[in-house]
Amino acid sequence: MNSNGIDIVKIERFDTLKNNSSLMKSIFTENEIKYINSRNNNSSTIAGLYAAKEAFLKAIKKGINDYSLKDIEISHDNNNAPFIILNNSLKDKYPNYSVSISHDGEYAIASVILFN
């Protein structure tokens, strides 16, 4: 059975997060932080990555207290299309999924679809 998860966040909520390096390190992997820095520490980028992590958790019917957000890494291919790298116990459980991240005005939204 396929499953999907969607998350929407207000971008301005991430304006203060980007200046809190210990909180950033608790949510994002080293690679994600490098990507955020390459995008000028943009709140919109941070919000999109966070929304994708939440959307993945919703697709697997779990919450942010069930797994570390760092177990879900959002990466990007050469065309800047997002994809997910799962770490630890998630890696073998969910091999097939797609992710999409969009921004519009003051919001970022992400959708994750799991396939059997």
C-alpha atoms as a PDB file:
ATOM      1  CA  MET A   1       0.000   0.000   0.000  1.00  0.00           C
ATOM      2  CA  ASN A   2       1.319   3.434  -0.944  1.00  0.00           C
ATOM      3  CA  SER A   3       1.447   6.202   1.627  1.00  0.00           C
ATOM      4  CA  ASN A   4       2.013   9.925   1.425  1.00  0.00           C
ATOM      5  CA  GLY A   5       2.959  12.746   3.761  1.00  0.00           C
ATOM      6  CA  ILE A   6       2.714  16.504   3.303  1.00  0.00           C
ATOM      7  CA  ASP A   7       4.082  19.295   5.464  1.00  0.00           C
ATOM      8  CA  ILE A   8       3.810  23.060   5.134  1.00  0.00           C
ATOM      9  CA  VAL A   9       5.777  25.571   7.185  1.00  0.00           C
ATOM     10  CA  LYS A  10       5.926  29.325   7.434  1.00  0.00           C
ATOM     11  CA  ILE A  11       9.404  30.356   6.279  1.00  0.00           C
ATOM     12  CA  GLU A  12       9.831  33.196   8.781  1.00  0.00           C
ATOM     13  CA  ARG A  13       9.772  30.638  11.615  1.00  0.00           C
ATOM     14  CA  PHE A  14      13.253  29.616  10.445  1.00  0.00           C
ATOM     15  CA  ASP A  15      14.772  33.114  10.534  1.00  0.00           C
ATOM     16  CA  THR A  16      15.983  32.653  14.123  1.00  0.00           C
ATOM     17  CA  LEU A  17      16.858  28.965  13.707  1.00  0.00           C
ATOM     18  CA  LYS A  18      19.538  29.738  11.133  1.00  0.00           C
ATOM     19  CA  ASN A  19      21.440  31.751  13.771  1.00  0.00           C
ATOM     20  CA  ASN A  20      21.330  28.933  16.346  1.00  0.00           C
ATOM     21  CA  SER A  21      24.129  26.580  15.308  1.00  0.00           C
ATOM     22  CA  SER A  22      23.517  24.016  18.069  1.00  0.00           C
ATOM     23  CA  LEU A  23      19.844  23.697  17.112  1.00  0.00           C
ATOM     24  CA  MET A  24      20.751  23.521  13.413  1.00  0.00           C
ATOM     25  CA  LYS A  25      23.208  20.696  14.193  1.00  0.00           C
ATOM     26  CA  SER A  26      20.510  18.821  16.108  1.00  0.00           C
ATOM     27  CA  ILE A  27      18.113  18.911  13.127  1.00  0.00           C
ATOM     28  CA  PHE A  28      20.319  18.838  10.033  1.00  0.00           C
ATOM     29  CA  THR A  29      23.203  16.614   8.945  1.00  0.00           C
ATOM     30  CA  GLU A  30      26.625  17.998   8.040  1.00  0.00           C
ATOM     31  CA  ASN A  31      25.781  17.664   4.344  1.00  0.00           C
ATOM     32  CA  GLU A  32      22.499  19.521   4.778  1.00  0.00           C
ATOM     33  CA  ILE A  33      24.239  22.330   6.648  1.00  0.00           C
ATOM     34  CA  LYS A  34      26.800  22.582   3.819  1.00  0.00           C
ATOM     35  CA  TYR A  35      23.917  22.807   1.338  1.00  0.00           C
ATOM     36  CA  ILE A  36      22.186  25.482   3.456  1.00  0.00           C
ATOM     37  CA  ASN A  37      25.435  27.456   3.604  1.00  0.00           C
ATOM     38  CA  SER A  38      25.865  27.153  -0.168  1.00  0.00           C
ATOM     39  CA  ARG A  39      22.399  28.734  -0.494  1.00  0.00           C
ATOM     40  CA  ASN A  40      23.469  31.739   1.651  1.00  0.00           C
ATOM     41  CA  ASN A  41      21.868  30.363   4.826  1.00  0.00           C
ATOM     42  CA  ASN A  42      18.494  31.170   3.313  1.00  0.00           C
ATOM     43  CA  SER A  43      15.485  30.643   5.618  1.00  0.00           C
ATOM     44  CA  SER A  44      13.486  29.405   2.650  1.00  0.00           C
ATOM     45  CA  THR A  45      16.017  26.614   2.030  1.00  0.00           C
ATOM     46  CA  ILE A  46      16.027  25.649   5.708  1.00  0.00           C
ATOM     47  CA  ALA A  47      12.220  25.597   5.794  1.00  0.00           C
ATOM     48  CA  GLY A  48      12.032  23.396   2.696  1.00  0.00           C
ATOM     49  CA  LEU A  49      14.468  20.842   4.089  1.00  0.00           C
ATOM     50  CA  TYR A  50      12.633  20.756   7.399  1.00  0.00           C
ATOM     51  CA  ALA A  51       9.254  20.344   5.688  1.00  0.00           C
ATOM     52  CA  ALA A  52      10.627  17.411   3.664  1.00  0.00           C
ATOM     53  CA  LYS A  53      11.819  15.660   6.834  1.00  0.00           C
ATOM     54  CA  GLU A  54       8.399  16.156   8.462  1.00  0.00           C
ATOM     55  CA  ALA A  55       6.606  15.006   5.302  1.00  0.00           C
ATOM     56  CA  PHE A  56       8.666  11.808   5.308  1.00  0.00           C
ATOM     57  CA  LEU A  57       7.745  11.122   8.933  1.00  0.00           C
ATOM     58  CA  LYS A  58       4.083  11.708   8.143  1.00  0.00           C
ATOM     59  CA  ALA A  59       4.313   9.292   5.208  1.00  0.00           C
ATOM     60  CA  ILE A  60       5.602   6.564   7.529  1.00  0.00           C
ATOM     61  CA  LYS A  61       2.985   7.531  10.133  1.00  0.00           C
ATOM     62  CA  LYS A  62       5.552   8.638  12.729  1.00  0.00           C
ATOM     63  CA  GLY A  63       6.331  11.875  14.552  1.00  0.00           C
ATOM     64  CA  ILE A  64       9.469  13.864  15.265  1.00  0.00           C
ATOM     65  CA  ASN A  65       9.869  12.087  18.598  1.00  0.00           C
ATOM     66  CA  ASP A  66       9.984   8.644  16.947  1.00  0.00           C
ATOM     67  CA  TYR A  67      13.206   9.175  14.959  1.00  0.00           C
ATOM     68  CA  SER A  68      16.043  11.654  14.895  1.00  0.00           C
ATOM     69  CA  LEU A  69      15.527  14.222  12.155  1.00  0.00           C
ATOM     70  CA  LYS A  70      19.170  13.606  11.252  1.00  0.00           C
ATOM     71  CA  ASP A  71      18.203  10.047  10.232  1.00  0.00           C
ATOM     72  CA  ILE A  72      16.427  11.678   7.279  1.00  0.00           C
ATOM     73  CA  GLU A  73      18.875  13.560   5.079  1.00  0.00           C
ATOM     74  CA  ILE A  74      17.624  15.715   2.227  1.00  0.00           C
ATOM     75  CA  SER A  75      20.121  15.900  -0.609  1.00  0.00           C
ATOM     76  CA  HIS A  76      19.985  17.236  -4.166  1.00  0.00           C
ATOM     77  CA  ASP A  77      21.037  15.816  -7.511  1.00  0.00           C
ATOM     78  CA  ASN A  78      22.883  17.688 -10.276  1.00  0.00           C
ATOM     79  CA  ASN A  79      19.617  19.314 -11.382  1.00  0.00           C
ATOM     80  CA  ASN A  80      18.964  20.456  -7.778  1.00  0.00           C
ATOM     81  CA  ALA A  81      16.064  17.989  -7.459  1.00  0.00           C
ATOM     82  CA  PRO A  82      15.711  16.781  -3.872  1.00  0.00           C
ATOM     83  CA  PHE A  83      16.066  13.168  -2.800  1.00  0.00           C
ATOM     84  CA  ILE A  84      16.205  11.488   0.577  1.00  0.00           C
ATOM     85  CA  ILE A  85      19.046   9.521   2.114  1.00  0.00           C
ATOM     86  CA  LEU A  86      17.875   7.440   5.066  1.00  0.00           C
ATOM     87  CA  ASN A  87      20.247   6.588   7.879  1.00  0.00           C
ATOM     88  CA  ASN A  88      20.293   4.043  10.703  1.00  0.00           C
ATOM     89  CA  SER A  89      17.194   1.891  11.170  1.00  0.00           C
ATOM     90  CA  LEU A  90      15.188   3.732   8.503  1.00  0.00           C
ATOM     91  CA  LYS A  91      17.579   2.774   5.709  1.00  0.00           C
ATOM     92  CA  ASP A  92      16.284  -0.742   5.082  1.00  0.00           C
ATOM     93  CA  LYS A  93      12.638  -0.179   5.977  1.00  0.00           C
ATOM     94  CA  TYR A  94      11.679   2.346   3.279  1.00  0.00           C
ATOM     95  CA  PRO A  95      13.538   1.772   0.002  1.00  0.00           C
ATOM     96  CA  ASN A  96      11.083   3.382  -2.456  1.00  0.00           C
ATOM     97  CA  TYR A  97       9.843   6.947  -2.181  1.00  0.00           C
ATOM     98  CA  SER A  98       9.785  10.296  -3.927  1.00  0.00           C
ATOM     99  CA  VAL A  99      10.025  13.791  -2.489  1.00  0.00           C
ATOM    100  CA  SER A 100       9.068  17.217  -3.777  1.00  0.00           C
ATOM    101  CA  ILE A 101       9.762  20.603  -2.167  1.00  0.00           C
ATOM    102  CA  SER A 102       8.157  23.891  -3.227  1.00  0.00           C
ATOM    103  CA  HIS A 103       8.145  27.471  -2.011  1.00  0.00           C
ATOM    104  CA  ASP A 104       5.540  30.171  -2.509  1.00  0.00           C
ATOM    105  CA  GLY A 105       5.586  33.529  -0.809  1.00  0.00           C
ATOM    106  CA  GLU A 106       5.954  32.984   2.907  1.00  0.00           C
ATOM    107  CA  TYR A 107       5.502  29.189   2.855  1.00  0.00           C
ATOM    108  CA  ALA A 108       7.516  26.076   2.057  1.00  0.00           C
ATOM    109  CA  ILE A 109       5.758  22.788   1.391  1.00  0.00           C
ATOM    110  CA  ALA A 110       7.032  19.264   0.892  1.00  0.00           C
ATOM    111  CA  SER A 111       5.409  16.043  -0.210  1.00  0.00           C
ATOM    112  CA  VAL A 112       6.717  12.504   0.184  1.00  0.00           C
ATOM    113  CA  ILE A 113       5.166   9.440  -1.422  1.00  0.00           C
ATOM    114  CA  LEU A 114       6.199   5.950  -0.311  1.00  0.00           C
ATOM    115  CA  PHE A 115       5.826   3.092  -2.768  1.00  0.00           C
ATOM    116  CA  ASN A 116       5.696  -0.621  -2.030  1.00  0.00           C
END
